[in-house]
Protein backbone atom coordinates (compact mmCIF):
# COMPACT_ATOMS: atom_id res chain seq x y z
CA MET A 1 102.49 196.07 110.32
CA SER A 2 102.93 194.60 106.87
CA SER A 3 104.85 191.59 108.19
CA VAL A 4 102.14 190.89 110.77
CA ARG A 5 99.48 191.00 108.06
CA SER A 6 101.58 188.82 105.79
CA SER A 7 102.15 186.16 108.44
CA TRP A 8 98.44 186.22 109.33
CA ARG A 9 97.52 185.64 105.67
CA GLN A 10 99.99 182.78 105.43
CA ARG A 11 98.53 181.12 108.54
CA ARG A 12 94.98 181.53 107.20
CA ALA A 13 96.00 180.07 103.83
CA ALA A 14 97.61 177.09 105.57
CA ALA A 15 94.47 176.57 107.65
CA ARG A 16 92.30 176.64 104.50
CA THR A 17 94.58 174.12 102.84
CA ARG A 18 94.47 171.81 105.87
CA ARG A 19 90.66 172.01 105.97
CA ALA A 20 90.42 171.30 102.24
CA LEU A 21 92.74 168.32 102.60
CA ASP A 22 90.77 166.99 105.57
CA GLN A 23 87.54 167.28 103.60
CA ALA A 24 89.05 165.59 100.55
CA LEU A 25 90.39 162.75 102.71
CA ALA A 26 86.96 162.30 104.29
CA ARG A 27 85.35 162.08 100.84
CA SER A 28 87.94 159.72 99.37
CA THR A 29 86.61 156.25 98.78
CA THR A 30 89.75 154.16 98.50
CA PRO A 31 93.03 153.94 100.40
CA SER A 32 94.94 154.59 97.17
CA MET A 33 93.07 157.87 96.67
CA ARG A 34 93.96 158.89 100.24
CA ASP A 35 97.60 158.04 99.57
CA GLU A 36 97.55 160.14 96.40
CA LEU A 37 96.04 163.11 98.26
CA MET A 38 98.66 162.84 100.99
CA THR A 39 101.41 162.65 98.37
CA MET A 40 100.12 165.81 96.68
CA ALA A 41 99.83 167.59 100.02
CA GLY A 42 103.37 166.58 100.96
CA SER A 43 104.79 167.89 97.70
CA GLY A 44 103.32 171.33 98.29
CA PHE A 45 100.43 170.99 95.88
CA ASN A 46 98.03 173.86 96.53
CA ILE A 47 94.48 172.61 97.00
CA ARG A 48 91.74 175.25 96.74
């Protein structure tokens, strides 16, 4: 049961991170800012 709960939490955290990244990309005003956000996301930077 614990592993099911753990995997569910990990999936929810990943979904929150994806949504936060999508929102940040939508708000970004310049292509360089979008590139920087994608670089941070690719390096495992946790956006909350």
